[in-house]
């Protein structure tokens, strides 16, 4: 009976340890992905990720020190709620936002309709 109890405890401990390791593996993979994005953008503090909304439009997240700093699912500066028409458009505004953040770290960046027009983003 004692042997069965020890075997049960051993199996319980082993399975708990295995389950506990899986989230850390996922976190490590996410951290590596974000670090790669940061290096691609040549910024020590900021990076961005574009994502597709459920209505097939695009948005972006600005990451600061590998954490979401700005979540922007819609186009800024326009009336109404509308995402970007393409991933490229979302990327252009995300890059502009990062430039503004790096130039003035104490100010929250704003995007104007003139900037959207200058970058040839249809709204």
N, C-alpha and C. Protein backbone atom coordinates (compact mmCIF):
# COMPACT_ATOMS: atom_id res chain seq x y z
N UNK A 1 0.83 -1.20 0.00
CA UNK A 1 0.00 0.00 0.00
C UNK A 1 0.87 1.26 0.00
N UNK A 2 1.94 1.22 0.78
CA UNK A 2 2.86 2.36 0.85
C UNK A 2 3.48 2.65 -0.51
N UNK A 3 3.83 1.59 -1.23
CA UNK A 3 4.45 1.74 -2.54
C UNK A 3 3.49 2.43 -3.51
N UNK A 4 2.22 2.07 -3.45
CA UNK A 4 1.22 2.68 -4.33
C UNK A 4 1.07 4.17 -4.01
N UNK A 5 1.08 4.48 -2.72
CA UNK A 5 0.97 5.88 -2.30
C UNK A 5 2.15 6.69 -2.81
N UNK A 6 3.37 6.16 -2.67
CA UNK A 6 4.57 6.86 -3.16
C UNK A 6 4.54 7.02 -4.69
N UNK A 7 4.08 5.98 -5.37
CA UNK A 7 3.98 6.04 -6.82
C UNK A 7 2.98 7.12 -7.24
N UNK A 8 1.85 7.16 -6.56
CA UNK A 8 0.83 8.17 -6.84
C UNK A 8 1.38 9.58 -6.62
N UNK A 9 2.06 9.80 -5.51
CA UNK A 9 2.63 11.12 -5.22
C UNK A 9 3.70 11.50 -6.24
N UNK A 10 4.51 10.54 -6.64
CA UNK A 10 5.54 10.80 -7.64
C UNK A 10 4.90 11.22 -8.97
N UNK A 11 3.87 10.47 -9.42
CA UNK A 11 3.20 10.80 -10.67
C UNK A 11 2.51 12.16 -10.59
N UNK A 12 1.89 12.45 -9.45
CA UNK A 12 1.24 13.74 -9.26
C UNK A 12 2.25 14.88 -9.34
N UNK A 13 3.38 14.73 -8.67
CA UNK A 13 4.42 15.75 -8.68
C UNK A 13 4.98 15.93 -10.09
N UNK A 14 5.22 14.83 -10.79
CA UNK A 14 5.78 14.89 -12.15
C UNK A 14 4.84 15.59 -13.11
N UNK A 15 3.55 15.27 -13.04
CA UNK A 15 2.60 15.89 -13.96
C UNK A 15 2.41 17.37 -13.64
N UNK A 16 2.42 17.75 -12.37
CA UNK A 16 2.29 19.15 -11.99
C UNK A 16 3.48 19.95 -12.49
N UNK A 17 4.65 19.39 -12.37
CA UNK A 17 5.87 20.06 -12.82
C UNK A 17 5.86 20.24 -14.34
N UNK A 18 5.40 19.25 -15.06
CA UNK A 18 5.32 19.31 -16.51
C UNK A 18 4.32 20.37 -16.96
N UNK A 19 3.18 20.46 -16.31
CA UNK A 19 2.17 21.47 -16.65
C UNK A 19 2.71 22.86 -16.36
N UNK A 20 3.41 23.02 -15.29
CA UNK A 20 3.93 24.33 -14.90
C UNK A 20 4.96 24.85 -15.89
N UNK A 21 5.65 23.96 -16.60
CA UNK A 21 6.68 24.40 -17.53
C UNK A 21 6.11 24.88 -18.86
N UNK A 22 4.94 24.42 -19.25
CA UNK A 22 4.40 24.78 -20.56
C UNK A 22 4.15 26.28 -20.72
N UNK A 23 3.53 26.99 -19.77
CA UNK A 23 3.35 28.43 -19.96
C UNK A 23 4.67 29.18 -20.09
N UNK A 24 5.70 28.76 -19.36
CA UNK A 24 6.97 29.48 -19.44
C UNK A 24 7.60 29.30 -20.81
N UNK A 25 7.40 28.13 -21.44
CA UNK A 25 7.91 27.93 -22.79
C UNK A 25 7.23 28.90 -23.76
N UNK A 26 5.92 29.06 -23.61
CA UNK A 26 5.17 29.99 -24.45
C UNK A 26 5.61 31.43 -24.20
N UNK A 27 5.80 31.79 -22.94
CA UNK A 27 6.26 33.14 -22.61
C UNK A 27 7.63 33.41 -23.21
N UNK A 28 8.51 32.41 -23.18
CA UNK A 28 9.84 32.57 -23.74
C UNK A 28 9.76 32.80 -25.25
N UNK A 29 8.90 32.04 -25.93
CA UNK A 29 8.74 32.21 -27.37
C UNK A 29 8.20 33.60 -27.69
N UNK A 30 7.21 34.08 -26.93
CA UNK A 30 6.68 35.43 -27.14
C UNK A 30 7.75 36.48 -26.90
N UNK A 31 8.54 36.30 -25.85
CA UNK A 31 9.60 37.26 -25.53
C UNK A 31 10.62 37.30 -26.67
N UNK A 32 10.98 36.15 -27.22
CA UNK A 32 11.94 36.12 -28.32
C UNK A 32 11.36 36.82 -29.55
N UNK A 33 10.07 36.61 -29.83
CA UNK A 33 9.43 37.25 -30.97
C UNK A 33 9.45 38.77 -30.81
N UNK A 34 9.10 39.25 -29.63
CA UNK A 34 9.08 40.68 -29.39
C UNK A 34 10.49 41.26 -29.46
N UNK A 35 11.48 40.54 -28.94
CA UNK A 35 12.85 41.02 -29.01
C UNK A 35 13.30 41.12 -30.47
N UNK A 36 12.90 40.16 -31.29
CA UNK A 36 13.24 40.21 -32.71
C UNK A 36 12.61 41.42 -33.37
N UNK A 37 11.33 41.69 -33.07
CA UNK A 37 10.66 42.86 -33.62
C UNK A 37 11.36 44.14 -33.19
N UNK A 38 11.76 44.20 -31.94
CA UNK A 38 12.45 45.39 -31.43
C UNK A 38 13.76 45.60 -32.18
N UNK A 39 14.50 44.53 -32.40
CA UNK A 39 15.77 44.66 -33.11
C UNK A 39 15.54 45.10 -34.56
N UNK A 40 14.48 44.59 -35.19
CA UNK A 40 14.20 44.97 -36.56
C UNK A 40 13.90 46.46 -36.67
N UNK A 41 13.29 47.03 -35.65
CA UNK A 41 12.92 48.44 -35.69
C UNK A 41 14.04 49.34 -35.18
N UNK A 42 15.17 48.77 -34.76
CA UNK A 42 16.34 49.51 -34.29
C UNK A 42 15.98 50.49 -33.18
N UNK A 43 15.15 50.05 -32.28
CA UNK A 43 14.77 50.87 -31.15
C UNK A 43 14.94 50.05 -29.89
N UNK A 44 15.50 50.64 -28.87
CA UNK A 44 15.67 49.89 -27.64
C UNK A 44 14.40 49.87 -26.81
N UNK A 45 13.51 50.84 -27.01
CA UNK A 45 12.30 50.93 -26.20
C UNK A 45 11.02 50.53 -26.93
N UNK A 46 10.92 50.80 -28.22
CA UNK A 46 9.65 50.66 -28.93
C UNK A 46 9.71 49.66 -30.08
N UNK A 47 8.59 49.03 -30.31
CA UNK A 47 8.39 48.15 -31.46
C UNK A 47 6.89 48.18 -31.76
N UNK A 48 6.49 47.58 -32.87
CA UNK A 48 5.06 47.51 -33.15
C UNK A 48 4.70 46.16 -33.77
N UNK A 49 3.44 45.83 -33.63
CA UNK A 49 2.89 44.61 -34.22
C UNK A 49 1.57 45.00 -34.88
N UNK A 50 1.39 44.63 -36.15
CA UNK A 50 0.12 44.86 -36.83
C UNK A 50 -0.76 43.62 -36.65
N UNK A 51 -2.06 43.84 -36.56
CA UNK A 51 -2.99 42.72 -36.41
C UNK A 51 -4.23 42.99 -37.25
N UNK A 52 -4.91 41.92 -37.61
CA UNK A 52 -6.12 42.05 -38.40
C UNK A 52 -7.34 41.96 -37.48
N UNK A 53 -8.23 42.92 -37.64
CA UNK A 53 -9.48 42.94 -36.87
C UNK A 53 -10.45 41.91 -37.43
N UNK A 54 -11.52 41.66 -36.70
CA UNK A 54 -12.51 40.68 -37.15
C UNK A 54 -13.23 41.11 -38.43
N UNK A 55 -13.28 42.41 -38.70
CA UNK A 55 -13.92 42.89 -39.93
C UNK A 55 -12.94 42.99 -41.10
N UNK A 56 -11.79 42.35 -40.96
CA UNK A 56 -10.74 42.28 -42.01
C UNK A 56 -9.99 43.59 -42.21
N UNK A 57 -10.20 44.59 -41.35
CA UNK A 57 -9.37 45.80 -41.38
C UNK A 57 -8.17 45.55 -40.49
N UNK A 58 -7.25 46.50 -40.45
CA UNK A 58 -5.99 46.33 -39.71
C UNK A 58 -5.84 47.37 -38.61
N UNK A 59 -5.10 47.00 -37.58
CA UNK A 59 -4.73 47.89 -36.50
C UNK A 59 -3.30 47.59 -36.08
N UNK A 60 -2.85 48.24 -35.03
CA UNK A 60 -1.48 47.99 -34.55
C UNK A 60 -1.39 48.17 -33.04
N UNK A 61 -0.39 47.53 -32.47
CA UNK A 61 -0.01 47.73 -31.07
C UNK A 61 1.38 48.32 -31.06
N UNK A 62 1.59 49.35 -30.26
CA UNK A 62 2.92 49.88 -30.01
C UNK A 62 3.39 49.25 -28.71
N UNK A 63 4.56 48.64 -28.75
CA UNK A 63 5.13 48.01 -27.56
C UNK A 63 6.22 48.92 -26.99
N UNK A 64 6.22 49.06 -25.70
CA UNK A 64 7.29 49.80 -25.02
C UNK A 64 7.88 48.87 -23.99
N UNK A 65 9.17 48.64 -24.11
CA UNK A 65 9.87 47.70 -23.24
C UNK A 65 9.14 46.36 -23.24
N UNK A 66 8.73 45.93 -24.43
CA UNK A 66 8.13 44.63 -24.69
C UNK A 66 6.74 44.44 -24.09
N UNK A 67 6.06 45.53 -23.74
CA UNK A 67 4.69 45.47 -23.24
C UNK A 67 3.83 46.41 -24.06
N UNK A 68 2.55 46.06 -24.23
CA UNK A 68 1.66 46.90 -25.02
C UNK A 68 1.53 48.26 -24.35
N UNK A 69 1.86 49.29 -25.11
CA UNK A 69 1.80 50.66 -24.63
C UNK A 69 0.61 51.39 -25.25
N UNK A 70 0.37 51.14 -26.55
CA UNK A 70 -0.78 51.71 -27.25
C UNK A 70 -1.43 50.58 -28.05
N UNK A 71 -2.73 50.42 -27.87
CA UNK A 71 -3.51 49.46 -28.66
C UNK A 71 -4.40 50.28 -29.58
N UNK A 72 -4.17 50.19 -30.88
CA UNK A 72 -4.88 51.03 -31.84
C UNK A 72 -5.55 50.16 -32.90
N UNK A 73 -6.78 49.70 -32.64
CA UNK A 73 -7.47 48.87 -33.63
C UNK A 73 -8.12 49.67 -34.76
N UNK A 74 -8.22 50.99 -34.59
CA UNK A 74 -8.86 51.84 -35.60
C UNK A 74 -7.91 52.94 -36.07
N UNK A 75 -8.30 53.58 -37.16
CA UNK A 75 -7.51 54.68 -37.69
C UNK A 75 -7.65 55.90 -36.80
N UNK A 76 -6.54 56.49 -36.38
CA UNK A 76 -6.65 57.72 -35.59
C UNK A 76 -6.97 58.91 -36.49
N UNK A 77 -7.48 59.97 -35.89
CA UNK A 77 -7.70 61.27 -36.54
C UNK A 77 -8.93 61.33 -37.46
N UNK A 78 -9.63 60.23 -37.64
CA UNK A 78 -10.79 60.30 -38.53
C UNK A 78 -12.07 60.18 -37.72
N UNK A 79 -13.16 60.64 -38.30
CA UNK A 79 -14.46 60.53 -37.67
C UNK A 79 -14.97 59.11 -37.87
N UNK A 80 -15.50 58.52 -36.82
CA UNK A 80 -16.04 57.17 -36.93
C UNK A 80 -15.05 56.12 -36.46
N UNK A 81 -15.49 54.89 -36.55
CA UNK A 81 -14.68 53.76 -36.11
C UNK A 81 -14.39 52.90 -37.33
N UNK A 82 -13.15 53.00 -37.81
CA UNK A 82 -12.77 52.29 -39.03
C UNK A 82 -11.31 51.89 -38.92
N UNK A 83 -11.02 50.62 -39.18
CA UNK A 83 -9.64 50.16 -39.18
C UNK A 83 -8.94 50.53 -40.47
N UNK A 84 -7.65 50.26 -40.52
CA UNK A 84 -6.86 50.54 -41.73
C UNK A 84 -7.23 49.54 -42.81
N UNK A 85 -7.18 49.99 -44.07
CA UNK A 85 -7.51 49.12 -45.20
C UNK A 85 -6.47 48.07 -45.51
N UNK A 86 -5.23 48.29 -45.05
CA UNK A 86 -4.16 47.33 -45.34
C UNK A 86 -3.17 47.29 -44.18
N UNK A 87 -2.41 46.22 -44.15
CA UNK A 87 -1.36 46.08 -43.14
C UNK A 87 -0.29 47.14 -43.36
N UNK A 88 -0.01 47.46 -44.60
CA UNK A 88 1.01 48.46 -44.92
C UNK A 88 0.63 49.83 -44.38
N UNK A 89 -0.64 50.18 -44.49
CA UNK A 89 -1.11 51.47 -43.96
C UNK A 89 -0.96 51.52 -42.45
N UNK A 90 -1.35 50.45 -41.78
CA UNK A 90 -1.22 50.38 -40.33
C UNK A 90 0.26 50.47 -39.92
N UNK A 91 1.14 49.83 -40.70
CA UNK A 91 2.58 49.87 -40.41
C UNK A 91 3.14 51.28 -40.53
N UNK A 92 2.72 52.00 -41.57
CA UNK A 92 3.21 53.37 -41.77
C UNK A 92 2.87 54.26 -40.56
N UNK A 93 1.64 54.16 -40.08
CA UNK A 93 1.23 55.00 -38.95
C UNK A 93 1.88 54.53 -37.66
N UNK A 94 2.06 53.22 -37.50
CA UNK A 94 2.76 52.71 -36.32
C UNK A 94 4.20 53.23 -36.29
N UNK A 95 4.86 53.21 -37.43
CA UNK A 95 6.24 53.72 -37.50
C UNK A 95 6.29 55.22 -37.22
N UNK A 96 5.33 55.97 -37.74
CA UNK A 96 5.26 57.41 -37.47
C UNK A 96 5.03 57.65 -35.97
N UNK A 97 4.16 56.87 -35.37
CA UNK A 97 3.88 57.00 -33.93
C UNK A 97 5.14 56.74 -33.12
N UNK A 98 5.90 55.73 -33.49
CA UNK A 98 7.16 55.43 -32.78
C UNK A 98 8.15 56.58 -32.94
N UNK A 99 8.24 57.14 -34.14
CA UNK A 99 9.14 58.29 -34.35
C UNK A 99 8.76 59.45 -33.43
N UNK A 100 7.46 59.70 -33.31
CA UNK A 100 6.99 60.78 -32.43
C UNK A 100 7.28 60.47 -30.97
N UNK A 101 7.10 59.23 -30.57
CA UNK A 101 7.39 58.84 -29.18
C UNK A 101 8.87 59.00 -28.86
N UNK A 102 9.71 58.61 -29.80
CA UNK A 102 11.15 58.73 -29.57
C UNK A 102 11.61 60.18 -29.57
N UNK A 103 10.98 61.02 -30.38
CA UNK A 103 11.35 62.43 -30.44
C UNK A 103 10.89 63.20 -29.21
N UNK A 104 9.72 62.86 -28.70
CA UNK A 104 9.16 63.54 -27.52
C UNK A 104 8.61 62.49 -26.54
N UNK A 105 9.47 61.87 -25.76
CA UNK A 105 9.02 60.78 -24.88
C UNK A 105 8.03 61.20 -23.80
N UNK A 106 7.94 62.49 -23.50
CA UNK A 106 7.03 62.94 -22.45
C UNK A 106 5.66 63.37 -22.98
N UNK A 107 5.47 63.29 -24.31
CA UNK A 107 4.20 63.67 -24.92
C UNK A 107 3.55 62.46 -25.57
N UNK A 108 2.23 62.36 -25.41
CA UNK A 108 1.50 61.30 -26.09
C UNK A 108 1.32 61.69 -27.55
N UNK A 109 1.69 60.83 -28.50
CA UNK A 109 1.66 61.21 -29.91
C UNK A 109 0.23 61.32 -30.45
N UNK A 110 0.04 62.28 -31.34
CA UNK A 110 -1.24 62.41 -32.04
C UNK A 110 -0.96 62.34 -33.54
N UNK A 111 -1.92 61.79 -34.24
CA UNK A 111 -1.83 61.67 -35.69
C UNK A 111 -2.92 62.56 -36.28
N UNK A 112 -2.58 63.29 -37.33
CA UNK A 112 -3.54 64.19 -37.95
C UNK A 112 -4.00 63.64 -39.31
N UNK A 113 -5.10 64.18 -39.80
CA UNK A 113 -5.57 63.77 -41.13
C UNK A 113 -4.57 64.18 -42.21
N UNK A 114 -3.86 65.29 -41.98
CA UNK A 114 -2.83 65.72 -42.94
C UNK A 114 -1.72 64.67 -43.04
N UNK A 115 -1.36 64.08 -41.91
CA UNK A 115 -0.32 63.04 -41.93
C UNK A 115 -0.82 61.78 -42.65
N UNK A 116 -2.09 61.45 -42.44
CA UNK A 116 -2.67 60.31 -43.17
C UNK A 116 -2.63 60.56 -44.67
N UNK A 117 -2.98 61.77 -45.08
CA UNK A 117 -2.97 62.14 -46.50
C UNK A 117 -1.54 62.15 -47.07
N UNK A 118 -0.61 62.70 -46.30
CA UNK A 118 0.80 62.74 -46.74
C UNK A 118 1.35 61.34 -46.97
N UNK A 119 0.93 60.38 -46.14
CA UNK A 119 1.39 59.00 -46.29
C UNK A 119 0.52 58.19 -47.25
N UNK A 120 -0.42 58.88 -47.91
CA UNK A 120 -1.32 58.28 -48.90
C UNK A 120 -2.15 57.14 -48.31
N UNK A 121 -2.69 57.39 -47.12
CA UNK A 121 -3.56 56.41 -46.47
C UNK A 121 -5.00 56.83 -46.71
N UNK A 122 -5.75 55.95 -47.33
CA UNK A 122 -7.15 56.22 -47.67
C UNK A 122 -8.00 56.00 -46.43
N UNK A 123 -8.88 56.96 -46.17
CA UNK A 123 -9.80 56.81 -45.02
C UNK A 123 -11.22 57.11 -45.37
